[in-house]
Amino acid sequence: MRILVIIANPVGRRRPGMLGGNEINVIEVLERIYKHGISVETIELSPAASLSFEVNYKIHQVTIPLFKLRAGVLIDIIKFLFWIVGSFKVILNLRWRKYDVIVAATANISDTLPALVASKILGSPMVVNHQAVLTTISLSDFYENIRADNANVLDSLIRSIGLKLSFNILKRANAIICNSESVAASLRNNYSYRNKLFVVNMGIDVERINSISIPEKEYDAAFMARIERSKGILDVLYAWHTLIKQYRNAKIIIIGDGSYLNKAKSIVKELGMERNVVFTGFIKGYEKYVYLKKSKIFIYPTLATEGCPRVILEAMCCGLPIITYDNPTLPRTLKSCKGVIFVPMGNVGALSDAISRLLITENVKFIEIERSLKSYVKQYSWEIIVPYYIEILKRIAQNKRVINF
């Protein structure tokens, strides 16, 4: 079987080298699929996200011109258009080759549009990996949600139009692979998607993470994600400011990069928390697990409609109790797991109280929580995830239509 995958990595378009959790998950799936004897090729924006993982499959890179102007909405649009034209050219050059399945790495328009074109030109079924809970298909709602994340008017309008177009493209997909039951449940409400849905959980390298041993804790808490308002970074910082009034030496490590990084650093300075907050920037590979294992707890008060954030699974595997918001999506996925504490959405005071309670937890209780978390997260091992993913691709390739199983 031969598959062609579109990976635009829209996060990396603004900050080269930075990857979203869904891109990381897809790349790791593809490398493991390749090792199972399946031919894998990708079309990616240069520098290709896959190169960060030293993968063995073939990569077709699309290079776009460098711009001396400061990054902005107009530059993003121009880069997007170059990406679309470039990816179409690669697809045309591959039109004489046979691919059994075309895969869009995410449901972003930068992945789904080229995947749709490839599906039509190459005559192959299309599969879309879907990562976000769909709470609306209204263009105005898309706009308001993006605008609330501090995006400007033009940026919000362009991105909301992209979302609307992408969800229309989903109707043409032969299969939609959702990374959690929460994502699938939100899509079932739309008749056009209902019979195309398959749930394949996020995967993590459980054995490799478990092999990392850290003798002692250095940080009281960790936060790891893109540094964006929607990920709850501001709530983390304000909750930590309340906490250090009680625990003056409490220290949190912030792992990640994003558009809110400079703002987050300025807030830390304004609140006089320089010695209580450590920023690492974006960290690739297994070094991030070292930092997680040096921490006592994991804080992730996401405001986004995420099905099952990869960072939570990674923190679980490191044995860290999780504190997160009871947003509309996460409890459905994680409610059965001991060691996950939900606090009311947007309640920074409750967030700080939950952190305080965990930090005074007895060591014996921490050991029990760690054991429970590591047991729960085994279901996300690649040894379980990859065979199921391959089975879906094979059935789609053989039938060129969705088969429920």
Protein backbone atom coordinates (compact mmCIF):
# COMPACT_ATOMS: atom_id res chain seq x y z
CA MET A 1 0.00 0.00 0.00
CA ARG A 2 1.22 3.51 -0.83
CA ILE A 3 -0.07 6.66 0.87
CA LEU A 4 0.51 10.36 0.15
CA VAL A 5 0.19 12.75 3.08
CA ILE A 6 -0.23 16.54 3.08
CA ILE A 7 1.44 18.29 6.04
CA ALA A 8 1.34 22.08 5.84
CA ASN A 9 2.18 22.76 9.51
CA PRO A 10 0.48 26.19 9.75
CA VAL A 11 2.10 26.74 13.14
CA GLY A 12 5.56 26.49 11.57
CA ARG A 13 4.65 28.93 8.82
CA ARG A 14 4.99 31.76 11.36
CA ARG A 15 7.64 30.21 13.59
CA PRO A 16 9.82 27.73 11.63
CA GLY A 17 10.71 24.64 13.61
CA MET A 18 7.70 24.83 15.93
CA LEU A 19 5.12 22.07 15.63
CA GLY A 20 1.56 21.57 16.84
CA GLY A 21 0.67 18.43 18.80
CA ASN A 22 -1.43 17.09 15.94
CA GLU A 23 1.39 17.45 13.42
CA ILE A 24 3.73 15.66 15.83
CA ASN A 25 1.21 12.87 16.29
CA VAL A 26 0.72 12.37 12.53
CA ILE A 27 4.46 12.35 11.82
CA GLU A 28 5.08 9.74 14.50
CA VAL A 29 2.20 7.63 13.16
CA LEU A 30 3.60 7.84 9.62
CA GLU A 31 7.11 6.78 10.64
CA ARG A 32 5.70 3.75 12.45
CA ILE A 33 3.44 2.91 9.49
CA TYR A 34 6.50 3.09 7.25
CA LYS A 35 8.30 0.63 9.51
CA HIS A 36 5.35 -1.73 9.02
CA GLY A 37 6.25 -1.95 5.33
CA ILE A 38 3.81 0.64 3.96
CA SER A 39 5.12 3.17 1.44
CA VAL A 40 4.76 6.71 2.82
CA GLU A 41 5.39 9.99 0.98
CA THR A 42 4.61 13.48 2.22
CA ILE A 43 4.19 16.91 0.65
CA GLU A 44 5.37 19.48 3.17
CA LEU A 45 6.15 23.16 3.52
CA SER A 46 9.92 23.69 3.65
CA PRO A 47 11.59 23.24 6.09
CA ALA A 48 9.59 20.03 6.38
CA ALA A 49 8.21 19.31 9.85
CA SER A 50 9.10 15.63 9.39
CA LEU A 51 12.81 16.46 9.20
CA SER A 52 12.78 17.23 12.92
CA PHE A 53 12.13 13.54 13.56
CA GLU A 54 14.76 12.05 11.24
CA VAL A 55 12.11 10.01 9.44
CA ASN A 56 12.87 7.48 6.70
CA TYR A 57 9.91 8.08 4.41
CA LYS A 58 10.11 10.26 1.29
CA ILE A 59 9.42 14.00 1.62
CA HIS A 60 8.48 16.36 -1.21
CA GLN A 61 9.23 19.88 0.04
CA VAL A 62 7.55 23.06 -1.19
CA THR A 63 9.76 26.11 -0.80
CA ILE A 64 8.23 29.57 -0.63
CA PRO A 65 10.09 32.89 -1.03
CA LEU A 66 11.57 34.63 1.99
CA PHE A 67 9.92 37.90 2.96
CA LYS A 68 11.85 40.74 4.57
CA LEU A 69 8.65 42.36 5.79
CA ARG A 70 7.47 41.72 9.34
CA ALA A 71 5.07 38.80 9.67
CA GLY A 72 1.43 39.78 9.45
CA VAL A 73 -1.92 38.72 8.03
CA LEU A 74 -1.06 39.84 4.48
CA ILE A 75 2.25 37.98 4.54
CA ASP A 76 0.46 34.89 5.89
CA ILE A 77 -2.04 35.03 3.02
CA ILE A 78 0.76 35.35 0.46
CA LYS A 79 2.64 32.43 2.03
CA PHE A 80 -0.54 30.35 2.03
CA LEU A 81 -1.10 31.03 -1.68
CA PHE A 82 2.50 30.08 -2.48
CA TRP A 83 2.02 26.87 -0.48
CA ILE A 84 -1.20 25.99 -2.33
CA VAL A 85 0.33 26.63 -5.77
CA GLY A 86 3.53 24.80 -4.84
CA SER A 87 1.71 21.77 -3.44
CA PHE A 88 -0.51 21.61 -6.55
CA LYS A 89 2.60 21.55 -8.74
CA VAL A 90 4.02 18.64 -6.77
CA ILE A 91 0.71 16.79 -7.06
CA LEU A 92 0.70 17.30 -10.85
CA ASN A 93 4.23 15.92 -11.06
CA LEU A 94 3.07 12.82 -9.18
CA ARG A 95 -0.05 12.25 -11.28
CA TRP A 96 1.40 9.20 -13.05
CA ARG A 97 2.09 7.43 -9.76
CA LYS A 98 -0.40 5.22 -7.99
CA TYR A 99 -1.40 6.10 -4.43
CA ASP A 100 -3.92 4.01 -2.54
CA VAL A 101 -4.90 6.74 -0.07
CA ILE A 102 -4.44 10.52 0.22
CA VAL A 103 -4.22 11.75 3.83
CA ALA A 104 -4.68 15.29 5.16
CA ALA A 105 -2.58 15.57 8.34
CA THR A 106 -5.14 17.87 9.96
CA ALA A 107 -8.53 19.41 9.20
CA ASN A 108 -6.91 22.79 8.51
CA ILE A 109 -7.62 24.25 5.07
CA SER A 110 -3.88 24.22 4.28
CA ASP A 111 -4.00 20.40 4.52
CA THR A 112 -7.51 19.57 3.31
CA LEU A 113 -7.51 21.68 0.14
CA PRO A 114 -4.33 20.14 -1.36
CA ALA A 115 -5.52 16.70 -0.20
CA LEU A 116 -8.81 17.17 -2.04
CA VAL A 117 -6.98 18.23 -5.21
CA ALA A 118 -4.63 15.25 -4.92
CA SER A 119 -7.59 12.92 -4.43
CA LYS A 120 -9.24 14.20 -7.61
CA ILE A 121 -6.10 14.29 -9.79
CA LEU A 122 -4.67 10.97 -8.59
CA GLY A 123 -8.04 9.20 -8.34
CA SER A 124 -7.46 8.05 -4.77
CA PRO A 125 -9.73 8.09 -1.70
CA MET A 126 -9.14 10.86 0.83
CA VAL A 127 -8.75 10.52 4.61
CA VAL A 128 -8.69 13.53 6.95
CA ASN A 129 -7.21 13.51 10.45
CA HIS A 130 -9.48 15.62 12.63
CA GLN A 131 -8.27 17.16 15.87
CA ALA A 132 -10.80 19.70 17.10
CA VAL A 133 -14.27 19.45 18.59
CA LEU A 134 -16.80 20.98 16.20
CA THR A 135 -19.15 23.13 18.25
CA THR A 136 -20.47 25.11 15.29
CA ILE A 137 -20.29 25.32 11.51
CA SER A 138 -21.39 28.95 11.48
CA LEU A 139 -18.99 31.39 9.84
CA SER A 140 -19.94 34.12 12.32
CA ASP A 141 -19.29 31.80 15.28
CA PHE A 142 -15.90 30.83 13.84
CA TYR A 143 -15.08 34.51 13.54
CA GLU A 144 -16.13 35.37 17.10
CA ASN A 145 -14.15 32.44 18.58
CA ILE A 146 -10.97 33.40 16.75
CA ARG A 147 -11.44 37.10 17.51
CA ALA A 148 -11.74 36.27 21.21
CA ASP A 149 -8.20 34.84 21.06
CA ASN A 150 -6.85 38.35 20.47
CA ALA A 151 -6.58 38.00 16.68
CA ASN A 152 -7.21 41.15 14.65
CA VAL A 153 -10.26 41.62 12.43
CA LEU A 154 -8.65 40.63 9.13
CA ASP A 155 -6.83 37.63 10.60
CA SER A 156 -10.05 36.44 12.26
CA LEU A 157 -11.99 36.81 9.01
CA ILE A 158 -9.43 34.94 6.89
CA ARG A 159 -9.06 32.09 9.38
CA SER A 160 -12.81 31.70 9.87
CA ILE A 161 -13.34 31.51 6.10
CA GLY A 162 -10.62 28.85 5.98
CA LEU A 163 -12.37 26.84 8.70
CA LYS A 164 -15.69 27.07 6.89
CA LEU A 165 -14.16 25.87 3.61
CA SER A 166 -12.35 23.03 5.36
CA PHE A 167 -15.51 21.71 6.99
CA ASN A 168 -17.17 21.71 3.57
CA ILE A 169 -14.24 19.70 2.21
CA LEU A 170 -14.79 17.15 4.98
CA LYS A 171 -18.05 16.19 3.27
CA ARG A 172 -15.99 14.89 0.35
CA ALA A 173 -13.66 12.78 2.50
CA ASN A 174 -13.95 9.00 2.38
CA ALA A 175 -13.05 8.78 6.06
CA ILE A 176 -12.45 11.13 8.98
CA ILE A 177 -10.08 9.87 11.66
CA CYS A 178 -10.84 11.61 14.96
CA ASN A 179 -8.24 11.76 17.72
CA SER A 180 -10.83 11.28 20.48
CA GLU A 181 -14.42 10.29 21.07
CA SER A 182 -15.22 13.92 21.90
CA VAL A 183 -14.20 15.00 18.39
CA ALA A 184 -16.23 12.18 16.79
CA ALA A 185 -19.28 12.95 18.93
CA SER A 186 -19.27 16.59 17.82
CA LEU A 187 -19.12 15.57 14.15
CA ARG A 188 -21.89 12.96 14.37
CA ASN A 189 -24.43 15.76 14.60
CA ASN A 190 -23.71 16.55 10.95
CA TYR A 191 -25.25 14.00 8.59
CA SER A 192 -22.55 14.57 5.97
CA TYR A 193 -19.87 13.31 8.36
CA ARG A 194 -21.73 10.71 10.41
CA ASN A 195 -20.90 7.50 8.52
CA LYS A 196 -17.29 8.44 7.86
CA LEU A 197 -16.02 8.66 11.42
CA PHE A 198 -13.36 6.52 13.08
CA VAL A 199 -11.82 7.15 16.48
CA VAL A 200 -8.07 6.56 16.71
CA ASN A 201 -6.61 7.96 19.91
CA MET A 202 -3.48 10.06 20.08
CA GLY A 203 -0.39 7.93 20.49
CA ILE A 204 2.66 8.31 22.73
CA ASP A 205 5.84 6.31 23.20
CA VAL A 206 4.93 4.86 26.59
CA GLU A 207 7.96 2.58 26.91
CA ARG A 208 10.46 5.26 25.94
CA ILE A 209 8.98 7.81 28.34
CA ASN A 210 8.94 5.26 31.17
CA SER A 211 12.63 4.56 30.57
CA ILE A 212 13.57 8.14 31.54
CA SER A 213 14.56 8.28 35.20
CA ILE A 214 14.85 11.50 37.19
CA PRO A 215 16.15 11.25 40.78
CA GLU A 216 14.41 14.31 42.23
CA LYS A 217 11.88 17.05 41.51
CA GLU A 218 13.13 20.51 40.57
CA TYR A 219 9.87 22.28 39.73
CA ASP A 220 6.57 22.41 41.59
CA ALA A 221 4.56 22.46 38.37
CA ALA A 222 4.83 22.42 34.58
CA PHE A 223 2.84 23.86 31.71
CA MET A 224 3.56 22.65 28.17
CA ALA A 225 1.75 23.84 25.03
CA ARG A 226 1.81 26.54 22.41
CA ILE A 227 1.96 29.80 24.32
CA GLU A 228 -1.41 31.13 23.23
CA ARG A 229 -4.31 32.68 25.10
CA SER A 230 -6.59 29.77 24.12
CA LYS A 231 -4.26 27.33 25.91
CA GLY A 232 -4.81 29.15 29.20
CA ILE A 233 -1.32 30.59 29.67
CA LEU A 234 -2.60 33.83 31.23
CA ASP A 235 -4.74 31.90 33.73
CA VAL A 236 -1.70 29.81 34.65
CA LEU A 237 0.38 32.90 35.40
CA TYR A 238 -2.31 34.70 37.42
CA ALA A 239 -3.06 31.51 39.39
CA TRP A 240 0.65 31.13 40.09
CA HIS A 241 0.86 34.72 41.30
CA THR A 242 -1.86 33.94 43.84
CA LEU A 243 -0.11 30.71 44.84
CA ILE A 244 3.28 32.25 45.60
CA LYS A 245 1.68 34.47 48.22
CA GLN A 246 1.42 31.24 50.20
CA TYR A 247 4.39 29.34 48.75
CA ARG A 248 7.00 32.03 48.14
CA ASN A 249 9.56 29.70 46.55
CA ALA A 250 7.16 27.76 44.32
CA LYS A 251 8.55 27.40 40.80
CA ILE A 252 6.79 26.53 37.54
CA ILE A 253 8.39 25.68 34.20
CA ILE A 254 6.69 26.90 31.00
CA ILE A 255 7.57 24.72 27.98
CA GLY A 256 6.61 26.01 24.54
CA ASP A 257 6.57 28.90 22.12
CA GLY A 258 3.83 30.95 20.50
CA SER A 259 2.39 34.37 19.81
CA TYR A 260 1.76 35.03 23.52
CA LEU A 261 5.28 34.21 24.70
CA ASN A 262 6.51 37.80 24.91
CA LYS A 263 3.29 38.90 26.61
CA ALA A 264 3.61 36.05 29.10
CA LYS A 265 7.17 37.09 29.91
CA SER A 266 6.11 40.71 30.38
CA ILE A 267 3.34 39.64 32.79
CA VAL A 268 5.83 37.59 34.80
CA LYS A 269 8.05 40.67 35.05
CA GLU A 270 5.16 42.96 35.98
CA LEU A 271 4.07 40.59 38.75
CA GLY A 272 7.61 40.19 40.07
CA MET A 273 7.69 36.43 39.44
CA GLU A 274 11.01 36.15 37.58
CA ARG A 275 12.43 33.68 40.11
CA ASN A 276 9.18 31.68 40.23
CA VAL A 277 8.66 31.12 36.49
CA VAL A 278 11.10 29.49 34.04
CA PHE A 279 10.57 29.69 30.26
CA THR A 280 12.29 27.10 28.06
CA GLY A 281 10.86 27.90 24.62
CA PHE A 282 9.88 25.11 22.22
CA ILE A 283 11.63 21.80 22.96
CA LYS A 284 11.81 18.94 20.47
CA GLY A 285 12.19 15.26 21.20
CA TYR A 286 12.54 13.57 24.54
CA GLU A 287 14.17 16.43 26.41
CA LYS A 288 10.69 17.77 27.21
CA TYR A 289 9.93 14.58 29.16
CA VAL A 290 12.99 15.19 31.32
CA TYR A 291 11.53 18.57 32.31
CA LEU A 292 8.10 17.05 32.92
CA LYS A 293 9.58 14.37 35.17
CA LYS A 294 11.42 17.06 37.10
CA SER A 295 8.01 18.57 37.94
CA LYS A 296 5.44 17.57 40.56
CA ILE A 297 2.17 18.42 38.78
CA PHE A 298 0.96 19.49 35.32
CA ILE A 299 -1.31 22.50 34.77
CA TYR A 300 -3.23 22.82 31.50
CA PRO A 301 -6.29 25.08 31.81
CA THR A 302 -7.12 25.05 28.10
CA LEU A 303 -9.95 27.21 26.83
CA ALA A 304 -9.85 25.56 23.40
CA THR A 305 -12.26 22.86 22.21
CA GLU A 306 -9.68 20.07 22.10
CA GLY A 307 -10.57 16.39 21.97
CA CYS A 308 -7.60 14.96 23.84
CA PRO A 309 -4.48 17.15 23.98
CA ARG A 310 -1.29 15.18 23.44
CA VAL A 311 0.48 17.16 26.17
CA ILE A 312 -1.91 15.80 28.79
CA LEU A 313 -1.17 12.22 27.76
CA GLU A 314 2.57 12.90 27.88
CA ALA A 315 2.29 14.43 31.36
CA MET A 316 0.20 11.44 32.50
CA CYS A 317 2.84 9.04 31.25
CA CYS A 318 5.41 11.01 33.24
CA GLY A 319 3.23 10.38 36.31
CA LEU A 320 2.13 13.99 36.87
CA PRO A 321 -1.31 14.74 38.34
CA ILE A 322 -3.26 16.94 35.92
CA ILE A 323 -5.19 20.12 36.69
CA THR A 324 -7.37 21.37 33.85
CA TYR A 325 -10.63 23.16 33.15
CA ASP A 326 -13.95 21.34 32.91
CA ASN A 327 -14.45 22.66 29.40
CA PRO A 328 -17.12 21.03 27.18
CA THR A 329 -14.73 18.41 25.76
CA LEU A 330 -12.04 17.13 28.10
CA PRO A 331 -14.22 15.55 30.83
CA ARG A 332 -15.75 13.21 28.24
CA THR A 333 -12.30 11.84 27.41
CA LEU A 334 -10.61 11.92 30.82
CA LYS A 335 -13.37 11.66 33.42
CA SER A 336 -12.59 7.99 34.15
CA CYS A 337 -8.96 8.70 35.01
CA LYS A 338 -7.94 9.19 38.61
CA GLY A 339 -5.34 11.89 38.91
CA VAL A 340 -7.09 14.41 36.68
CA ILE A 341 -8.63 17.33 38.56
CA PHE A 342 -11.22 19.50 36.81
CA VAL A 343 -11.87 23.05 37.97
CA PRO A 344 -14.60 25.44 36.74
CA MET A 345 -13.84 26.96 33.36
CA GLY A 346 -12.08 30.31 33.67
CA ASN A 347 -12.04 30.31 37.48
CA VAL A 348 -8.46 31.35 38.24
CA GLY A 349 -9.09 31.28 42.00
CA ALA A 350 -10.27 27.67 41.85
CA LEU A 351 -7.27 26.85 39.67
CA SER A 352 -4.87 28.28 42.26
CA ASP A 353 -6.66 26.45 45.09
CA ALA A 354 -6.40 23.13 43.22
CA ILE A 355 -2.68 23.65 42.69
CA SER A 356 -2.22 24.46 46.38
CA ARG A 357 -4.10 21.32 47.47
CA LEU A 358 -2.01 19.11 45.23
CA LEU A 359 1.28 20.58 46.38
CA ILE A 360 0.52 19.66 49.99
CA THR A 361 -0.55 16.13 49.03
CA GLU A 362 1.24 13.42 50.96
CA ASN A 363 4.00 11.57 49.12
CA VAL A 364 2.17 8.24 49.46
CA LYS A 365 -0.86 9.72 47.74
CA PHE A 366 1.36 11.02 44.92
CA ILE A 367 2.69 7.52 44.37
CA GLU A 368 -0.86 6.14 44.13
CA ILE A 369 -1.83 8.85 41.61
CA GLU A 370 1.29 8.18 39.53
CA ARG A 371 0.52 4.46 39.42
CA SER A 372 -3.07 5.15 38.34
CA LEU A 373 -2.02 7.58 35.60
CA LYS A 374 0.59 5.26 34.13
CA SER A 375 -1.94 2.43 34.06
CA TYR A 376 -4.55 4.59 32.32
CA VAL A 377 -2.20 5.92 29.66
CA LYS A 378 -1.19 2.45 28.41
CA GLN A 379 -4.20 2.49 26.06
CA TYR A 380 -2.45 5.29 24.13
CA SER A 381 0.65 3.21 23.40
CA TRP A 382 1.77 3.11 19.77
CA GLU A 383 1.57 -0.68 19.89
CA ILE A 384 -2.22 -0.32 20.14
CA ILE A 385 -2.75 2.80 18.02
CA VAL A 386 -0.70 2.05 14.88
CA PRO A 387 -2.23 -1.34 13.90
CA TYR A 388 -5.74 0.13 14.10
CA TYR A 389 -4.72 3.15 12.01
CA ILE A 390 -3.22 0.85 9.37
CA GLU A 391 -6.36 -1.28 9.31
CA ILE A 392 -8.50 1.78 8.56
CA LEU A 393 -6.22 2.89 5.71
CA LYS A 394 -6.23 -0.60 4.20
CA ARG A 395 -10.00 -0.87 4.25
CA ILE A 396 -10.41 2.56 2.71
CA ALA A 397 -7.83 1.72 0.03
CA GLN A 398 -9.47 -1.60 -0.83
CA ASN A 399 -13.04 -0.34 -0.98
CA LYS A 400 -12.67 3.34 -1.83
CA ARG A 401 -15.66 3.92 0.39
CA VAL A 402 -16.26 3.94 4.11
CA ILE A 403 -16.95 0.66 5.84
CA ASN A 404 -18.13 0.81 9.42
CA PHE A 405 -16.31 -1.67 11.64
